C-alpha atoms as a PDB file:
ATOM      1  CA  MET A   1      -3.494 -37.915 -11.178  1.00  0.00           C
ATOM      2  CA  GLU A   2      -3.785 -38.288  -7.411  1.00  0.00           C
ATOM      3  CA  THR A   3      -1.384 -34.883  -6.887  1.00  0.00           C
ATOM      4  CA  LEU A   4      -3.490 -33.403  -8.988  1.00  0.00           C
ATOM      5  CA  LEU A   5      -6.453 -34.168  -6.966  1.00  0.00           C
ATOM      6  CA  MET A   6      -4.120 -32.442  -4.173  1.00  0.00           C
ATOM      7  CA  LEU A   7      -3.307 -29.878  -6.318  1.00  0.00           C
ATOM      8  CA  ILE A   8      -6.732 -28.299  -7.602  1.00  0.00           C
ATOM      9  CA  PRO A   9      -8.084 -27.884  -4.369  1.00  0.00           C
ATOM     10  CA  VAL A  10      -4.540 -26.471  -3.199  1.00  0.00           C
ATOM     11  CA  ALA A  11      -4.721 -23.614  -5.649  1.00  0.00           C
ATOM     12  CA  LEU A  12      -8.325 -23.126  -5.105  1.00  0.00           C
ATOM     13  CA  ILE A  13      -7.843 -22.537  -1.656  1.00  0.00           C
ATOM     14  CA  LEU A  14      -4.660 -19.883  -2.382  1.00  0.00           C
ATOM     15  CA  GLY A  15      -7.193 -18.565  -5.128  1.00  0.00           C
ATOM     16  CA  LEU A  16      -9.858 -17.863  -2.505  1.00  0.00           C
ATOM     17  CA  LEU A  17      -7.281 -16.653   0.232  1.00  0.00           C
ATOM     18  CA  GLY A  18      -6.008 -14.056  -2.271  1.00  0.00           C
ATOM     19  CA  LEU A  19      -9.079 -13.255  -3.272  1.00  0.00           C
ATOM     20  CA  VAL A  20     -10.690 -12.383   0.795  1.00  0.00           C
ATOM     21  CA  GLY A  21      -6.860 -10.434   0.905  1.00  0.00           C
ATOM     22  CA  PHE A  22      -7.820  -8.062  -2.167  1.00  0.00           C
ATOM     23  CA  LEU A  23     -11.677  -7.432  -0.889  1.00  0.00           C
ATOM     24  CA  TRP A  24     -10.539  -7.149   2.528  1.00  0.00           C
ATOM     25  CA  SER A  25      -8.044  -4.196   1.507  1.00  0.00           C
ATOM     26  CA  LEU A  26     -10.990  -3.040  -0.545  1.00  0.00           C
ATOM     27  CA  ARG A  27     -12.481  -2.530   2.692  1.00  0.00           C
ATOM     28  CA  SER A  28     -10.427  -1.104   4.942  1.00  0.00           C
ATOM     29  CA  GLY A  29      -9.372   2.002   2.243  1.00  0.00           C
ATOM     30  CA  GLN A  30      -6.266   1.130   0.642  1.00  0.00           C
ATOM     31  CA  PHE A  31      -6.396   1.873  -2.808  1.00  0.00           C
ATOM     32  CA  ASP A  32      -8.208   5.248  -1.479  1.00  0.00           C
ATOM     33  CA  ASP A  33      -6.092   7.585  -2.527  1.00  0.00           C
ATOM     34  CA  MET A  34      -3.613   6.192  -5.715  1.00  0.00           C
ATOM     35  CA  ASP A  35      -1.876   9.611  -7.100  1.00  0.00           C
ATOM     36  CA  GLY A  36      -0.922  10.794  -2.981  1.00  0.00           C
ATOM     37  CA  ALA A  37       2.124   9.466  -2.960  1.00  0.00           C
ATOM     38  CA  ALA A  38       2.925  10.732  -6.071  1.00  0.00           C
ATOM     39  CA  GLN A  39       2.126  14.077  -5.625  1.00  0.00           C
ATOM     40  CA  ARG A  40       3.919  14.305  -2.348  1.00  0.00           C
ATOM     41  CA  ILE A  41       7.276  13.528  -3.461  1.00  0.00           C
ATOM     42  CA  LEU A  42       7.176  15.774  -5.782  1.00  0.00           C
ATOM     43  CA  PHE A  43       6.327  18.998  -3.679  1.00  0.00           C
ATOM     44  CA  ASP A  44       8.489  20.570  -1.389  1.00  0.00           C
ATOM     45  CA  ASP A  45       7.073  21.352   2.156  1.00  0.00           C
ATOM     46  CA  ASP A  46       9.255  24.530   3.137  1.00  0.00           C
ATOM     47  CA  ASP A  47       7.520  25.401   6.239  1.00  0.00           C
ATOM     48  CA  ASP A  48       8.442  22.252   7.740  1.00  0.00           C
ATOM     49  CA  ALA A  49      11.956  22.667   7.235  1.00  0.00           C
ATOM     50  CA  PRO A  50      14.654  23.371  10.377  1.00  0.00           C
ATOM     51  CA  PRO A  51      16.050  27.135  10.269  1.00  0.00           C
ATOM     52  CA  PRO A  52      19.044  27.394   8.451  1.00  0.00           C
ATOM     53  CA  PRO A  53      22.136  27.569  10.695  1.00  0.00           C
ATOM     54  CA  GLY A  54      22.653  31.172  11.827  1.00  0.00           C
ATOM     55  CA  ARG A  55      19.262  32.849  11.587  1.00  0.00           C
ATOM     56  CA  ARG A  56      17.868  33.605  14.915  1.00  0.00           C
ATOM     57  CA  GLN A  57      14.206  32.762  15.229  1.00  0.00           C
ATOM     58  CA  GLU A  58      12.148  35.567  16.244  1.00  0.00           C
END
């Protein structure tokens, strides 16, 4: 019984910390662009690639 008196407040504090962390991440924009990273990996950016060796830049 004494362990429950200690574990219940600890569980409530940890749950409250998790909720505060989740709300902070919502406010700071962590979940704004969910599809950006998934699409960025699919498309190749040829504009940023260096020229192939042996080819002169003009």
